[in-house]
Amino acid sequence: RPPRSTLFPYTTLFRSMEFKITYNNGKRYEPDFVVETDDKIYLVEVKGEDKLNASDVVAKRNRAIKYCEVVSNWGKVNGYKPWEYLFIPSMQIQENSSFEQLSKQFIASNVEKL
């Protein structure tokens, strides 16, 4: 198991390269961060505001949301934590931001509000 993160207390960061997620006919997608808390695992993507609606970014986002749904469904049956996708515009991360606050504000269900 990876060590606890010093940046996000009570979380564990995983190397995103450990995940094999593909989109658009086999292109490989690696999320910026994979964060495990006591009750969930998050795929986290941080993007500049100028790229939020780029077709490639939207395709990755849609695939990551579906990945989290599939893995969560499997985990529910097998006793594992649910997964959530976080899509965070880079300018929304402030010096005083906490992972807990960002995770509530930028879960996939809130993406349409960006």
C-alpha atoms as a PDB file:
ATOM      1  CA  ARG A   1       0.000   0.000   0.000  1.00  0.00           C
ATOM      2  CA  PRO A   2       1.387   3.452  -0.872  1.00  0.00           C
ATOM      3  CA  PRO A   3       2.315   5.784   1.994  1.00  0.00           C
ATOM      4  CA  ARG A   4      -0.060   8.414   3.312  1.00  0.00           C
ATOM      5  CA  SER A   5       0.165  11.771   1.589  1.00  0.00           C
ATOM      6  CA  THR A   6       1.751  14.696   3.391  1.00  0.00           C
ATOM      7  CA  LEU A   7      -0.125  17.096   1.083  1.00  0.00           C
ATOM      8  CA  PHE A   8      -3.572  15.719   1.855  1.00  0.00           C
ATOM      9  CA  PRO A   9      -3.807  14.457   5.433  1.00  0.00           C
ATOM     10  CA  TYR A  10      -5.866  11.286   5.785  1.00  0.00           C
ATOM     11  CA  THR A  11      -5.392  10.413   2.115  1.00  0.00           C
ATOM     12  CA  THR A  12      -3.148   8.151   0.094  1.00  0.00           C
ATOM     13  CA  LEU A  13      -1.865   9.110  -3.343  1.00  0.00           C
ATOM     14  CA  PHE A  14      -1.354   6.444  -5.991  1.00  0.00           C
ATOM     15  CA  ARG A  15       0.703   6.671  -9.138  1.00  0.00           C
ATOM     16  CA  SER A  16      -1.746   7.297 -11.960  1.00  0.00           C
ATOM     17  CA  MET A  17       0.354   5.166 -14.320  1.00  0.00           C
ATOM     18  CA  GLU A  18      -0.942   2.078 -12.505  1.00  0.00           C
ATOM     19  CA  PHE A  19      -4.341   2.529 -14.171  1.00  0.00           C
ATOM     20  CA  LYS A  20      -5.117   1.349 -17.684  1.00  0.00           C
ATOM     21  CA  ILE A  21      -7.913   3.594 -18.834  1.00  0.00           C
ATOM     22  CA  THR A  22      -8.447   4.104 -22.549  1.00  0.00           C
ATOM     23  CA  TYR A  23     -10.650   6.488 -24.532  1.00  0.00           C
ATOM     24  CA  ASN A  24     -11.163   7.454 -28.196  1.00  0.00           C
ATOM     25  CA  ASN A  25     -10.180   4.155 -29.811  1.00  0.00           C
ATOM     26  CA  GLY A  26      -7.381   3.133 -27.506  1.00  0.00           C
ATOM     27  CA  LYS A  27      -5.720   6.408 -26.470  1.00  0.00           C
ATOM     28  CA  ARG A  28      -4.341   6.047 -22.961  1.00  0.00           C
ATOM     29  CA  TYR A  29      -5.672   8.281 -20.208  1.00  0.00           C
ATOM     30  CA  GLU A  30      -3.734   8.809 -16.993  1.00  0.00           C
ATOM     31  CA  PRO A  31      -5.459  10.985 -14.391  1.00  0.00           C
ATOM     32  CA  ASP A  32      -3.362  13.626 -12.674  1.00  0.00           C
ATOM     33  CA  PHE A  33      -3.914  12.069  -9.244  1.00  0.00           C
ATOM     34  CA  VAL A  34      -5.539   9.057  -7.663  1.00  0.00           C
ATOM     35  CA  VAL A  35      -6.369   9.804  -4.039  1.00  0.00           C
ATOM     36  CA  GLU A  36      -7.657   7.329  -1.472  1.00  0.00           C
ATOM     37  CA  THR A  37      -9.427   8.573   1.639  1.00  0.00           C
ATOM     38  CA  ASP A  38     -10.913   6.514   4.439  1.00  0.00           C
ATOM     39  CA  ASP A  39     -14.190   6.072   2.583  1.00  0.00           C
ATOM     40  CA  LYS A  40     -13.571   6.700  -1.169  1.00  0.00           C
ATOM     41  CA  ILE A  41     -11.064   6.635  -3.985  1.00  0.00           C
ATOM     42  CA  TYR A  42     -10.901   9.629  -6.313  1.00  0.00           C
ATOM     43  CA  LEU A  43      -9.605  10.032  -9.857  1.00  0.00           C
ATOM     44  CA  VAL A  44      -8.551  13.670  -9.973  1.00  0.00           C
ATOM     45  CA  GLU A  45      -7.995  15.768 -13.083  1.00  0.00           C
ATOM     46  CA  VAL A  46      -6.864  19.404 -12.915  1.00  0.00           C
ATOM     47  CA  LYS A  47      -7.220  21.481 -16.088  1.00  0.00           C
ATOM     48  CA  GLY A  48      -6.583  25.048 -17.092  1.00  0.00           C
ATOM     49  CA  GLU A  49      -9.712  27.079 -17.711  1.00  0.00           C
ATOM     50  CA  ASP A  50      -8.808  27.457 -21.391  1.00  0.00           C
ATOM     51  CA  LYS A  51      -9.026  23.663 -21.874  1.00  0.00           C
ATOM     52  CA  LEU A  52     -12.166  22.775 -19.900  1.00  0.00           C
ATOM     53  CA  ASN A  53     -14.294  22.179 -22.989  1.00  0.00           C
ATOM     54  CA  ALA A  54     -11.654  20.895 -25.426  1.00  0.00           C
ATOM     55  CA  SER A  55     -12.930  17.762 -27.194  1.00  0.00           C
ATOM     56  CA  ASP A  56     -10.045  15.602 -25.957  1.00  0.00           C
ATOM     57  CA  VAL A  57     -10.572  16.764 -22.369  1.00  0.00           C
ATOM     58  CA  VAL A  58     -14.316  16.113 -22.577  1.00  0.00           C
ATOM     59  CA  ALA A  59     -13.676  12.607 -23.965  1.00  0.00           C
ATOM     60  CA  LYS A  60     -11.258  11.834 -21.109  1.00  0.00           C
ATOM     61  CA  ARG A  61     -13.699  13.224 -18.550  1.00  0.00           C
ATOM     62  CA  ASN A  62     -16.573  11.117 -19.880  1.00  0.00           C
ATOM     63  CA  ARG A  63     -14.419   7.986 -19.883  1.00  0.00           C
ATOM     64  CA  ALA A  64     -13.164   8.653 -16.343  1.00  0.00           C
ATOM     65  CA  ILE A  65     -16.731   9.122 -15.085  1.00  0.00           C
ATOM     66  CA  LYS A  66     -17.740   5.803 -16.664  1.00  0.00           C
ATOM     67  CA  TYR A  67     -14.621   4.100 -15.244  1.00  0.00           C
ATOM     68  CA  CYS A  68     -15.530   5.266 -11.734  1.00  0.00           C
ATOM     69  CA  GLU A  69     -19.104   4.020 -12.158  1.00  0.00           C
ATOM     70  CA  VAL A  70     -17.965   0.562 -13.320  1.00  0.00           C
ATOM     71  CA  VAL A  71     -15.300   0.208 -10.627  1.00  0.00           C
ATOM     72  CA  SER A  72     -17.715   1.414  -7.936  1.00  0.00           C
ATOM     73  CA  ASN A  73     -20.348  -1.104  -9.018  1.00  0.00           C
ATOM     74  CA  TRP A  74     -17.788  -3.905  -8.925  1.00  0.00           C
ATOM     75  CA  GLY A  75     -16.497  -2.671  -5.555  1.00  0.00           C
ATOM     76  CA  LYS A  76     -19.977  -2.553  -4.059  1.00  0.00           C
ATOM     77  CA  VAL A  77     -20.470  -6.245  -4.830  1.00  0.00           C
ATOM     78  CA  ASN A  78     -16.981  -7.156  -3.634  1.00  0.00           C
ATOM     79  CA  GLY A  79     -16.704  -5.015  -0.498  1.00  0.00           C
ATOM     80  CA  TYR A  80     -14.462  -2.199  -1.773  1.00  0.00           C
ATOM     81  CA  LYS A  81     -14.705   1.579  -1.575  1.00  0.00           C
ATOM     82  CA  PRO A  82     -16.656   3.601  -4.134  1.00  0.00           C
ATOM     83  CA  TRP A  83     -14.831   5.734  -6.694  1.00  0.00           C
ATOM     84  CA  GLU A  84     -15.524   9.356  -7.648  1.00  0.00           C
ATOM     85  CA  TYR A  85     -14.161  11.518 -10.447  1.00  0.00           C
ATOM     86  CA  LEU A  86     -13.059  15.067  -9.655  1.00  0.00           C
ATOM     87  CA  PHE A  87     -12.597  17.578 -12.475  1.00  0.00           C
ATOM     88  CA  ILE A  88     -11.029  20.707 -11.017  1.00  0.00           C
ATOM     89  CA  PRO A  89     -10.364  23.938 -12.938  1.00  0.00           C
ATOM     90  CA  SER A  90      -6.829  24.949 -11.975  1.00  0.00           C
ATOM     91  CA  MET A  91      -7.725  28.495 -10.934  1.00  0.00           C
ATOM     92  CA  GLN A  92     -10.145  27.087  -8.341  1.00  0.00           C
ATOM     93  CA  ILE A  93      -7.285  25.654  -6.310  1.00  0.00           C
ATOM     94  CA  GLN A  94      -6.295  28.252  -3.775  1.00  0.00           C
ATOM     95  CA  GLU A  95      -3.598  28.284  -1.113  1.00  0.00           C
ATOM     96  CA  ASN A  96      -6.216  27.625   1.554  1.00  0.00           C
ATOM     97  CA  SER A  97      -8.078  24.902  -0.420  1.00  0.00           C
ATOM     98  CA  SER A  98      -8.510  21.546   1.240  1.00  0.00           C
ATOM     99  CA  PHE A  99      -8.986  18.252  -0.528  1.00  0.00           C
ATOM    100  CA  GLU A 100     -12.215  17.745   1.397  1.00  0.00           C
ATOM    101  CA  GLN A 101     -13.624  21.065   0.129  1.00  0.00           C
ATOM    102  CA  LEU A 102     -12.467  20.450  -3.458  1.00  0.00           C
ATOM    103  CA  SER A 103     -13.889  16.932  -3.465  1.00  0.00           C
ATOM    104  CA  LYS A 104     -17.327  18.215  -2.479  1.00  0.00           C
ATOM    105  CA  GLN A 105     -17.294  21.061  -4.981  1.00  0.00           C
ATOM    106  CA  PHE A 106     -15.949  19.281  -8.076  1.00  0.00           C
ATOM    107  CA  ILE A 107     -17.403  15.765  -8.118  1.00  0.00           C
ATOM    108  CA  ALA A 108     -18.536  14.653 -11.569  1.00  0.00           C
ATOM    109  CA  SER A 109     -22.181  15.529 -10.899  1.00  0.00           C
ATOM    110  CA  ASN A 110     -21.115  19.187 -10.617  1.00  0.00           C
ATOM    111  CA  VAL A 111     -19.075  19.247 -13.859  1.00  0.00           C
ATOM    112  CA  GLU A 112     -21.964  20.628 -15.911  1.00  0.00           C
ATOM    113  CA  LYS A 113     -21.963  23.736 -13.698  1.00  0.00           C
ATOM    114  CA  LEU A 114     -18.477  24.804 -14.851  1.00  0.00           C
END
